[in-house]
N, C-alpha and C. Protein backbone atom coordinates (compact mmCIF):
# COMPACT_ATOMS: atom_id res chain seq x y z
N MET A 1 169.32 -58.45 73.86
CA MET A 1 169.02 -57.35 74.85
C MET A 1 169.81 -57.42 75.98
N ALA A 2 170.27 -58.56 76.59
CA ALA A 2 171.26 -58.64 77.76
C ALA A 2 172.54 -57.89 77.22
N ASN A 3 173.01 -58.05 76.03
CA ASN A 3 174.30 -57.38 75.71
C ASN A 3 174.07 -55.92 75.77
N ALA A 4 173.19 -55.47 75.32
CA ALA A 4 172.79 -54.08 75.28
C ALA A 4 172.93 -53.46 76.73
N ILE A 5 172.11 -54.14 77.77
CA ILE A 5 172.19 -53.66 79.05
C ILE A 5 173.59 -53.73 79.56
N SER A 6 174.38 -54.80 79.30
CA SER A 6 175.66 -54.81 79.96
C SER A 6 176.61 -53.88 79.51
N ARG A 7 176.54 -53.28 78.26
CA ARG A 7 177.23 -52.24 77.69
C ARG A 7 177.02 -50.75 78.39
N VAL A 8 175.92 -50.67 79.07
CA VAL A 8 175.70 -49.36 79.68
C VAL A 8 176.51 -49.34 80.91
N PRO A 9 177.31 -48.12 81.05
CA PRO A 9 178.16 -48.04 82.20
C PRO A 9 177.44 -47.97 83.59
N ARG A 10 177.84 -48.66 84.44
CA ARG A 10 177.32 -48.66 85.79
C ARG A 10 176.81 -47.21 86.32
N GLY A 11 175.82 -47.04 86.83
CA GLY A 11 175.28 -45.83 87.29
C GLY A 11 174.76 -44.83 86.27
N ARG A 12 174.74 -45.32 84.96
CA ARG A 12 174.18 -44.34 83.86
C ARG A 12 173.28 -45.13 83.14
N ALA A 13 172.42 -46.11 83.89
CA ALA A 13 171.28 -46.69 83.26
C ALA A 13 170.27 -45.80 82.50
N ARG A 14 169.78 -46.22 81.36
CA ARG A 14 168.85 -45.49 80.70
C ARG A 14 167.52 -45.51 81.19
N ALA A 15 166.97 -44.81 82.12
CA ALA A 15 165.89 -44.71 82.88
C ALA A 15 164.63 -43.81 82.49
N GLU A 16 165.20 -42.65 81.58
CA GLU A 16 164.48 -41.66 81.07
C GLU A 16 163.96 -42.04 79.77
N ARG A 17 162.95 -41.48 79.06
CA ARG A 17 162.44 -41.77 77.67
C ARG A 17 162.06 -40.46 77.09
N LEU A 18 162.63 -40.17 75.92
CA LEU A 18 162.23 -39.13 74.98
C LEU A 18 161.37 -39.78 73.78
N GLU A 19 160.39 -39.03 73.36
CA GLU A 19 159.56 -39.53 72.14
C GLU A 19 159.39 -38.29 71.27
N ALA A 20 159.36 -38.54 69.91
CA ALA A 20 159.25 -37.40 69.03
C ALA A 20 158.52 -38.07 67.88
N ARG A 21 157.40 -37.32 67.35
CA ARG A 21 156.81 -37.67 65.98
C ARG A 21 157.54 -37.10 64.84
N VAL A 22 157.88 -37.70 63.79
CA VAL A 22 158.54 -37.38 62.69
C VAL A 22 157.85 -37.81 61.33
N THR A 23 158.03 -37.24 60.31
CA THR A 23 157.55 -37.52 59.20
C THR A 23 158.27 -38.83 58.48
N ALA A 24 157.71 -39.50 57.48
CA ALA A 24 158.32 -40.66 56.96
C ALA A 24 159.72 -40.17 56.31
N GLU A 25 159.68 -39.01 55.72
CA GLU A 25 161.10 -38.47 55.12
C GLU A 25 161.96 -38.36 56.13
N GLN A 26 161.54 -37.80 57.26
CA GLN A 26 162.61 -37.38 58.27
C GLN A 26 163.32 -38.69 58.96
N LYS A 27 162.36 -39.57 59.03
CA LYS A 27 162.78 -40.84 59.70
C LYS A 27 163.85 -41.76 58.65
N SER A 28 163.36 -41.73 57.42
CA SER A 28 164.20 -42.17 56.40
C SER A 28 165.62 -41.66 56.37
N LEU A 29 165.58 -40.40 56.46
CA LEU A 29 166.98 -39.39 56.49
C LEU A 29 167.67 -39.80 57.62
N ILE A 30 167.10 -39.80 58.76
CA ILE A 30 167.93 -40.20 60.02
C ILE A 30 168.40 -41.51 59.86
N GLU A 31 167.64 -42.65 59.55
CA GLU A 31 168.01 -43.88 59.36
C GLU A 31 169.23 -44.14 58.30
N ARG A 32 169.14 -43.30 57.29
CA ARG A 32 170.21 -43.52 56.43
C ARG A 32 171.60 -42.93 56.92
N ALA A 33 171.33 -41.85 57.71
CA ALA A 33 172.56 -41.24 58.20
C ALA A 33 173.23 -42.14 59.28
N ALA A 34 172.23 -42.77 60.08
CA ALA A 34 172.84 -43.58 61.17
C ALA A 34 173.61 -44.89 60.54
N ALA A 35 173.02 -45.33 59.43
CA ALA A 35 173.44 -46.68 58.62
C ALA A 35 174.80 -46.22 58.03
N LEU A 36 174.86 -45.03 57.44
CA LEU A 36 176.22 -44.60 56.96
C LEU A 36 177.36 -44.47 57.89
N GLN A 37 177.03 -44.34 59.22
CA GLN A 37 177.99 -44.05 60.15
C GLN A 37 178.05 -45.55 61.04
N GLY A 38 177.41 -46.36 60.59
CA GLY A 38 177.50 -47.67 61.16
C GLY A 38 176.94 -47.83 62.46
N ARG A 39 175.95 -46.85 62.99
CA ARG A 39 175.43 -46.74 64.29
C ARG A 39 173.93 -47.17 64.06
N SER A 40 173.40 -47.50 65.58
CA SER A 40 171.91 -47.73 65.67
C SER A 40 171.42 -46.43 65.63
N LEU A 41 170.05 -46.53 65.15
CA LEU A 41 169.20 -45.25 65.14
C LEU A 41 169.23 -44.52 66.50
N THR A 42 168.98 -45.42 67.55
CA THR A 42 168.90 -44.59 69.10
C THR A 42 170.39 -43.88 69.37
N ASP A 43 171.58 -44.62 69.02
CA ASP A 43 172.84 -43.99 69.06
C ASP A 43 173.01 -42.74 68.37
N PHE A 44 172.58 -42.82 67.10
CA PHE A 44 172.76 -41.77 66.21
C PHE A 44 171.99 -40.44 66.75
N VAL A 45 170.76 -40.80 67.02
CA VAL A 45 169.82 -39.72 67.53
C VAL A 45 170.10 -39.08 68.96
N LEU A 46 170.57 -40.00 69.73
CA LEU A 46 171.06 -39.53 71.07
C LEU A 46 172.43 -38.64 70.85
N THR A 47 173.16 -39.03 70.27
CA THR A 47 174.59 -38.42 70.04
C THR A 47 174.35 -37.14 69.46
N SER A 48 173.48 -37.07 68.20
CA SER A 48 173.24 -35.96 67.45
C SER A 48 172.58 -34.74 68.52
N VAL A 49 171.73 -35.14 69.26
CA VAL A 49 170.82 -34.45 70.28
C VAL A 49 171.70 -33.87 71.24
N GLN A 50 172.67 -34.65 71.75
CA GLN A 50 173.49 -34.24 72.90
C GLN A 50 174.61 -33.18 72.45
N ASP A 51 175.00 -33.55 71.08
CA ASP A 51 175.95 -32.52 70.48
C ASP A 51 175.22 -31.03 70.28
N ALA A 52 173.97 -31.18 69.88
CA ALA A 52 173.41 -29.90 69.55
C ALA A 52 173.09 -29.31 70.83
N ALA A 53 172.71 -30.01 71.97
CA ALA A 53 172.50 -29.38 73.09
C ALA A 53 173.73 -28.72 73.74
N ARG A 54 174.96 -29.35 73.62
CA ARG A 54 176.11 -28.72 74.18
C ARG A 54 176.43 -27.49 73.27
N ARG A 55 176.20 -27.60 72.09
CA ARG A 55 176.49 -26.38 71.28
C ARG A 55 175.70 -25.30 71.66
N ALA A 56 174.36 -25.51 72.07
CA ALA A 56 173.54 -24.51 72.38
C ALA A 56 173.70 -23.81 73.55
N ILE A 57 174.01 -24.72 74.63
CA ILE A 57 174.47 -24.17 75.89
C ILE A 57 175.84 -23.39 75.77
N GLU A 58 176.84 -23.98 74.99
CA GLU A 58 177.96 -23.27 74.89
C GLU A 58 177.88 -22.05 74.29
N GLU A 59 177.00 -21.80 73.18
CA GLU A 59 176.78 -20.56 72.55
C GLU A 59 176.14 -19.46 73.42
N HIS A 60 175.32 -19.99 74.40
CA HIS A 60 174.70 -19.18 75.46
C HIS A 60 175.53 -18.60 76.51
N SER A 61 176.54 -19.50 76.74
CA SER A 61 177.56 -19.16 77.88
C SER A 61 178.82 -18.41 77.33
N GLN A 62 178.93 -18.10 76.06
CA GLN A 62 179.84 -17.06 75.59
C GLN A 62 179.34 -15.87 75.20
N LEU A 63 180.14 -14.92 75.40
CA LEU A 63 179.82 -13.52 75.02
C LEU A 63 180.63 -13.04 73.85
N ALA A 64 180.11 -12.62 72.84
CA ALA A 64 181.02 -12.11 71.71
C ALA A 64 180.71 -10.60 71.50
N LEU A 65 181.83 -10.02 71.55
CA LEU A 65 181.64 -8.41 71.47
C LEU A 65 182.45 -7.96 69.97
N SER A 66 181.95 -6.81 69.59
CA SER A 66 182.59 -6.22 68.49
C SER A 66 183.86 -5.76 68.95
N VAL A 67 184.80 -5.17 68.14
CA VAL A 67 186.15 -4.71 68.49
C VAL A 67 185.72 -3.27 69.25
N ARG A 68 184.77 -2.53 69.03
CA ARG A 68 184.23 -1.29 69.53
C ARG A 68 183.72 -1.62 70.89
N ASP A 69 182.83 -2.58 71.05
CA ASP A 69 182.26 -3.01 72.24
C ASP A 69 183.29 -3.51 73.25
N SER A 70 184.34 -4.36 72.75
CA SER A 70 185.23 -4.79 73.73
C SER A 70 186.02 -3.73 74.19
N GLU A 71 186.40 -2.75 73.44
CA GLU A 71 187.30 -1.55 73.85
C GLU A 71 186.50 -0.70 74.83
N ALA A 72 185.01 -0.59 74.74
CA ALA A 72 184.29 0.14 75.65
C ALA A 72 184.40 -0.75 76.88
N PHE A 73 184.23 -1.73 76.79
CA PHE A 73 184.13 -2.82 78.18
C PHE A 73 185.55 -2.63 78.76
N VAL A 74 186.56 -2.73 78.03
CA VAL A 74 187.91 -2.46 78.89
C VAL A 74 188.05 -1.25 79.31
N ASP A 75 187.65 -0.29 78.58
CA ASP A 75 187.77 1.13 79.03
C ASP A 75 186.95 1.44 80.24
N ALA A 76 185.75 0.81 80.69
CA ALA A 76 184.78 0.83 81.67
C ALA A 76 185.70 0.08 82.89
N LEU A 77 186.06 -0.96 82.57
CA LEU A 77 186.84 -1.71 83.82
C LEU A 77 188.11 -0.89 84.22
N LEU A 78 188.81 -0.22 83.39
CA LEU A 78 189.92 0.44 83.70
C LEU A 78 189.70 1.84 84.19
N SER A 79 188.57 2.55 83.65
CA SER A 79 188.31 3.78 84.14
C SER A 79 186.88 3.81 84.55
N PRO A 80 186.45 3.32 85.64
CA PRO A 80 185.03 3.39 86.00
C PRO A 80 184.63 4.69 86.45
N LYS A 81 183.39 4.98 86.26
CA LYS A 81 182.81 6.07 86.47
C LYS A 81 182.42 6.20 88.03
N PRO A 82 182.44 7.28 88.55
CA PRO A 82 182.24 7.51 90.11
C PRO A 82 180.96 6.90 90.44
N ILE A 83 180.92 6.40 91.73
CA ILE A 83 179.62 5.97 92.28
C ILE A 83 178.72 7.27 92.51
N ASN A 84 177.43 7.13 92.02
CA ASN A 84 176.72 8.22 92.33
C ASN A 84 175.42 7.66 93.21
N ASP A 85 174.39 8.63 93.57
CA ASP A 85 173.52 8.39 94.50
C ASP A 85 172.53 7.44 93.90
N ARG A 86 172.31 7.51 92.53
CA ARG A 86 171.36 6.63 91.91
C ARG A 86 171.97 5.15 91.95
N LEU A 87 173.15 4.85 91.86
CA LEU A 87 173.75 3.65 92.08
C LEU A 87 173.77 3.05 93.33
N ARG A 88 173.91 3.79 94.39
CA ARG A 88 173.80 3.67 95.87
C ARG A 88 172.53 3.14 96.08
N ASP A 89 171.45 3.78 95.60
CA ASP A 89 170.07 3.45 95.82
C ASP A 89 169.82 2.06 95.15
N THR A 90 170.23 2.06 93.87
CA THR A 90 170.06 0.61 93.23
C THR A 90 170.47 -0.48 94.05
N VAL A 91 171.85 -0.44 94.46
CA VAL A 91 172.48 -1.44 95.24
C VAL A 91 171.69 -1.70 96.46
N ARG A 92 171.28 -0.59 97.34
CA ARG A 92 170.59 -0.81 98.42
C ARG A 92 169.24 -1.47 98.26
N ARG A 93 168.50 -1.17 97.06
CA ARG A 93 167.18 -1.77 96.73
C ARG A 93 167.49 -3.36 96.70
N TYR A 94 168.39 -3.54 95.79
CA TYR A 94 168.70 -5.03 95.32
C TYR A 94 169.11 -5.82 96.63
N ARG A 95 169.87 -5.30 97.46
CA ARG A 95 170.20 -5.90 98.89
C ARG A 95 169.03 -6.24 99.61
N GLU A 96 168.10 -5.16 99.73
CA GLU A 96 166.84 -5.44 100.53
C GLU A 96 165.91 -6.48 99.81
N ARG A 97 165.68 -6.64 98.69
CA ARG A 97 164.96 -7.53 97.85
C ARG A 97 165.73 -9.01 97.91
N ALA A 98 167.07 -9.13 97.93
CA ALA A 98 167.77 -10.42 97.72
C ALA A 98 168.08 -10.84 99.06
N GLY A 99 167.91 -9.92 100.14
CA GLY A 99 168.26 -10.26 101.47
C GLY A 99 169.67 -10.57 101.73
N VAL A 100 170.55 -9.77 101.12
CA VAL A 100 171.96 -9.73 101.31
C VAL A 100 172.29 -8.82 102.10
C-alpha cells in the first residue's frame, strides 16, 4: 500500500470517493477489459470515466452548424439588422436585472 501512495503525485492525493452498484456481468466485463490492458480495476474505471467526462464536456462546448446555418450566421455578422426599439428595450431590461 505504501508504494501505491508514493506513486500519487504530490498535491493530487485521492481524497474523494465514488461508488457504483453494478451487476455481476458488468463487473466481469470491466475486470476483463482492465486485465487485457494490464491495468488495475480502479485505474481502468477512473481513466474511462475521465475520458467520457472530457468528451461530454467537449461536445457541449462545441457548436456544429449545417452549411445553411453557418452561412446564415456569417451573413448576420456581416450584415446585421438595424437596432430597433424592441432590442433597445431588451438590452435595458437585461442591464437592470443584471446590475450592469
